Amino acid sequence: MGIVNIDDELHDQLRKASTVSCRSINAQAAFWIRMGLLCELNPTMSFNEIVAREMKAAGLGEPAVPLDQVESA
């Protein structure tokens, strides 16, 4: 495991996001890094398409409500 230096503002955002998503700060940072990498590697796919693909690859199957039909708050 390595150490990554980030600015205080980004760390604050990480801390807040990790609370909302019930992840540790490290897990939230890892999620953002992984999703950012997947988005860069798949520029024609939406975030929701990437999440659905990753969920399916993890063996979770299709969501009860397709992600593209979920209204954002």
N, C-alpha and C. Protein backbone atom coordinates (compact mmCIF):
# COMPACT_ATOMS: atom_id res chain seq x y z
N MET A 1 0.84 -1.17 0.00
CA MET A 1 0.00 0.00 0.00
C MET A 1 0.89 1.23 0.00
N GLY A 2 0.51 2.22 -0.77
CA GLY A 2 1.29 3.44 -0.84
C GLY A 2 0.54 4.61 -0.24
N ILE A 3 1.22 5.72 -0.18
CA ILE A 3 0.63 6.95 0.34
C ILE A 3 0.48 7.92 -0.82
N VAL A 4 -0.68 8.53 -0.92
CA VAL A 4 -0.95 9.53 -1.95
C VAL A 4 -1.23 10.84 -1.24
N ASN A 5 -0.53 11.87 -1.63
CA ASN A 5 -0.76 13.20 -1.05
C ASN A 5 -1.81 13.94 -1.87
N ILE A 6 -2.84 14.43 -1.19
CA ILE A 6 -3.88 15.22 -1.85
C ILE A 6 -4.08 16.50 -1.06
N ASP A 7 -4.67 17.50 -1.72
CA ASP A 7 -4.86 18.77 -1.02
C ASP A 7 -5.99 18.66 0.00
N ASP A 8 -6.03 19.59 0.91
CA ASP A 8 -6.98 19.56 2.03
C ASP A 8 -8.43 19.60 1.56
N GLU A 9 -8.72 20.37 0.51
CA GLU A 9 -10.10 20.48 0.01
C GLU A 9 -10.59 19.13 -0.52
N LEU A 10 -9.74 18.44 -1.28
CA LEU A 10 -10.12 17.13 -1.80
C LEU A 10 -10.29 16.13 -0.66
N HIS A 11 -9.43 16.22 0.34
CA HIS A 11 -9.56 15.33 1.51
C HIS A 11 -10.88 15.58 2.23
N ASP A 12 -11.28 16.83 2.34
CA ASP A 12 -12.57 17.17 2.95
C ASP A 12 -13.72 16.56 2.16
N GLN A 13 -13.65 16.66 0.83
CA GLN A 13 -14.69 16.08 -0.02
C GLN A 13 -14.72 14.56 0.14
N LEU A 14 -13.54 13.95 0.22
CA LEU A 14 -13.46 12.50 0.44
C LEU A 14 -14.11 12.11 1.75
N ARG A 15 -13.80 12.84 2.80
CA ARG A 15 -14.35 12.54 4.12
C ARG A 15 -15.87 12.63 4.10
N LYS A 16 -16.41 13.67 3.50
CA LYS A 16 -17.87 13.84 3.43
C LYS A 16 -18.52 12.75 2.59
N ALA A 17 -17.94 12.46 1.43
CA ALA A 17 -18.49 11.43 0.55
C ALA A 17 -18.43 10.06 1.20
N SER A 18 -17.35 9.79 1.94
CA SER A 18 -17.23 8.48 2.59
C SER A 18 -18.29 8.30 3.67
N THR A 19 -18.67 9.38 4.33
CA THR A 19 -19.73 9.31 5.34
C THR A 19 -21.06 8.97 4.69
N VAL A 20 -21.37 9.65 3.60
CA VAL A 20 -22.63 9.43 2.89
C VAL A 20 -22.71 8.01 2.34
N SER A 21 -21.62 7.52 1.79
CA SER A 21 -21.63 6.20 1.15
C SER A 21 -21.26 5.06 2.09
N CYS A 22 -21.08 5.37 3.37
CA CYS A 22 -20.73 4.34 4.38
C CYS A 22 -19.45 3.58 4.02
N ARG A 23 -18.46 4.31 3.52
CA ARG A 23 -17.16 3.73 3.22
C ARG A 23 -16.12 4.42 4.09
N SER A 24 -14.99 3.76 4.27
CA SER A 24 -13.87 4.43 4.91
C SER A 24 -13.34 5.48 3.93
N ILE A 25 -12.55 6.40 4.43
CA ILE A 25 -11.96 7.41 3.54
C ILE A 25 -11.09 6.72 2.49
N ASN A 26 -10.32 5.72 2.89
CA ASN A 26 -9.48 4.99 1.92
C ASN A 26 -10.32 4.26 0.89
N ALA A 27 -11.42 3.63 1.33
CA ALA A 27 -12.29 2.91 0.39
C ALA A 27 -12.95 3.89 -0.58
N GLN A 28 -13.33 5.07 -0.10
CA GLN A 28 -13.93 6.07 -0.99
C GLN A 28 -12.92 6.55 -2.02
N ALA A 29 -11.69 6.80 -1.58
CA ALA A 29 -10.65 7.22 -2.52
C ALA A 29 -10.39 6.12 -3.55
N ALA A 30 -10.34 4.88 -3.11
CA ALA A 30 -10.12 3.76 -4.04
C ALA A 30 -11.26 3.67 -5.04
N PHE A 31 -12.50 3.88 -4.57
CA PHE A 31 -13.66 3.85 -5.47
C PHE A 31 -13.55 4.94 -6.53
N TRP A 32 -13.26 6.16 -6.08
CA TRP A 32 -13.13 7.26 -7.03
C TRP A 32 -12.01 7.02 -8.03
N ILE A 33 -10.90 6.50 -7.57
CA ILE A 33 -9.77 6.22 -8.46
C ILE A 33 -10.15 5.15 -9.47
N ARG A 34 -10.75 4.06 -8.98
CA ARG A 34 -11.13 2.96 -9.88
C ARG A 34 -12.16 3.43 -10.90
N MET A 35 -13.19 4.15 -10.45
CA MET A 35 -14.22 4.61 -11.37
C MET A 35 -13.66 5.63 -12.36
N GLY A 36 -12.79 6.49 -11.90
CA GLY A 36 -12.15 7.44 -12.81
C GLY A 36 -11.35 6.74 -13.88
N LEU A 37 -10.60 5.72 -13.48
CA LEU A 37 -9.82 4.94 -14.43
C LEU A 37 -10.73 4.24 -15.43
N LEU A 38 -11.79 3.59 -14.93
CA LEU A 38 -12.72 2.89 -15.83
C LEU A 38 -13.40 3.86 -16.78
N CYS A 39 -13.75 5.06 -16.31
CA CYS A 39 -14.37 6.06 -17.18
C CYS A 39 -13.39 6.54 -18.25
N GLU A 40 -12.14 6.72 -17.89
CA GLU A 40 -11.14 7.13 -18.88
C GLU A 40 -10.88 6.03 -19.91
N LEU A 41 -10.90 4.77 -19.46
CA LEU A 41 -10.65 3.65 -20.37
C LEU A 41 -11.85 3.33 -21.25
N ASN A 42 -13.04 3.81 -20.86
CA ASN A 42 -14.27 3.53 -21.59
C ASN A 42 -15.03 4.83 -21.84
N PRO A 43 -14.47 5.73 -22.65
CA PRO A 43 -15.07 7.06 -22.80
C PRO A 43 -16.45 7.08 -23.46
N THR A 44 -16.83 6.00 -24.12
CA THR A 44 -18.14 5.98 -24.77
C THR A 44 -19.24 5.45 -23.85
N MET A 45 -18.86 4.95 -22.68
CA MET A 45 -19.84 4.42 -21.74
C MET A 45 -20.17 5.46 -20.68
N SER A 46 -21.44 5.46 -20.25
CA SER A 46 -21.83 6.35 -19.15
C SER A 46 -21.37 5.74 -17.83
N PHE A 47 -21.37 6.56 -16.80
CA PHE A 47 -21.03 6.07 -15.46
C PHE A 47 -21.95 4.91 -15.08
N ASN A 48 -23.26 5.08 -15.32
CA ASN A 48 -24.22 4.04 -14.96
C ASN A 48 -23.98 2.75 -15.73
N GLU A 49 -23.59 2.85 -16.99
CA GLU A 49 -23.28 1.64 -17.77
C GLU A 49 -22.06 0.93 -17.19
N ILE A 50 -21.07 1.70 -16.78
CA ILE A 50 -19.87 1.10 -16.19
C ILE A 50 -20.21 0.42 -14.87
N VAL A 51 -21.01 1.08 -14.04
CA VAL A 51 -21.40 0.48 -12.76
C VAL A 51 -22.18 -0.81 -13.01
N ALA A 52 -23.12 -0.79 -13.94
CA ALA A 52 -23.91 -1.99 -14.25
C ALA A 52 -23.01 -3.12 -14.74
N ARG A 53 -22.05 -2.79 -15.58
CA ARG A 53 -21.12 -3.81 -16.09
C ARG A 53 -20.29 -4.40 -14.96
N GLU A 54 -19.80 -3.55 -14.06
CA GLU A 54 -18.99 -4.02 -12.95
C GLU A 54 -19.81 -4.86 -11.97
N MET A 55 -21.07 -4.47 -11.73
CA MET A 55 -21.94 -5.25 -10.86
C MET A 55 -22.19 -6.63 -11.46
N LYS A 56 -22.45 -6.66 -12.76
CA LYS A 56 -22.68 -7.94 -13.45
C LYS A 56 -21.42 -8.80 -13.39
N ALA A 57 -20.26 -8.19 -13.61
CA ALA A 57 -18.99 -8.93 -13.56
C ALA A 57 -18.73 -9.49 -12.17
N ALA A 58 -19.25 -8.81 -11.14
CA ALA A 58 -19.08 -9.28 -9.76
C ALA A 58 -20.11 -10.34 -9.39
N GLY A 59 -21.00 -10.67 -10.34
CA GLY A 59 -21.99 -11.70 -10.10
C GLY A 59 -23.25 -11.22 -9.43
N LEU A 60 -23.49 -9.91 -9.45
CA LEU A 60 -24.68 -9.37 -8.80
C LEU A 60 -25.88 -9.31 -9.73
N GLY A 61 -25.69 -9.62 -11.01
CA GLY A 61 -26.80 -9.64 -11.94
C GLY A 61 -27.34 -8.26 -12.26
N GLU A 62 -28.51 -8.27 -12.84
CA GLU A 62 -29.15 -7.02 -13.25
C GLU A 62 -29.88 -6.39 -12.07
N PRO A 63 -29.83 -5.06 -11.96
CA PRO A 63 -30.58 -4.40 -10.89
C PRO A 63 -32.08 -4.51 -11.14
N ALA A 64 -32.88 -4.45 -10.07
CA ALA A 64 -34.34 -4.53 -10.20
C ALA A 64 -34.87 -3.39 -11.06
N VAL A 65 -34.30 -2.21 -10.89
CA VAL A 65 -34.65 -1.06 -11.71
C VAL A 65 -33.41 -0.70 -12.49
N PRO A 66 -33.47 -0.74 -13.84
CA PRO A 66 -32.28 -0.39 -14.63
C PRO A 66 -31.74 0.98 -14.22
N LEU A 67 -30.43 1.07 -14.11
CA LEU A 67 -29.80 2.30 -13.63
C LEU A 67 -30.12 3.50 -14.50
N ASP A 68 -30.37 3.28 -15.80
CA ASP A 68 -30.67 4.41 -16.67
C ASP A 68 -32.10 4.93 -16.47
N GLN A 69 -32.90 4.22 -15.66
CA GLN A 69 -34.27 4.66 -15.39
C GLN A 69 -34.43 5.24 -14.00
N VAL A 70 -33.36 5.28 -13.23
CA VAL A 70 -33.41 5.83 -11.88
C VAL A 70 -33.27 7.34 -11.96
N GLU A 71 -34.22 8.05 -11.34
CA GLU A 71 -34.16 9.51 -11.34
C GLU A 71 -33.15 9.98 -10.32
N SER A 72 -32.36 10.97 -10.69
CA SER A 72 -31.41 11.54 -9.72
C SER A 72 -32.15 12.55 -8.86
N ALA A 73 -31.66 12.68 -7.62
CA ALA A 73 -32.32 13.59 -6.66
C ALA A 73 -32.01 15.02 -6.95
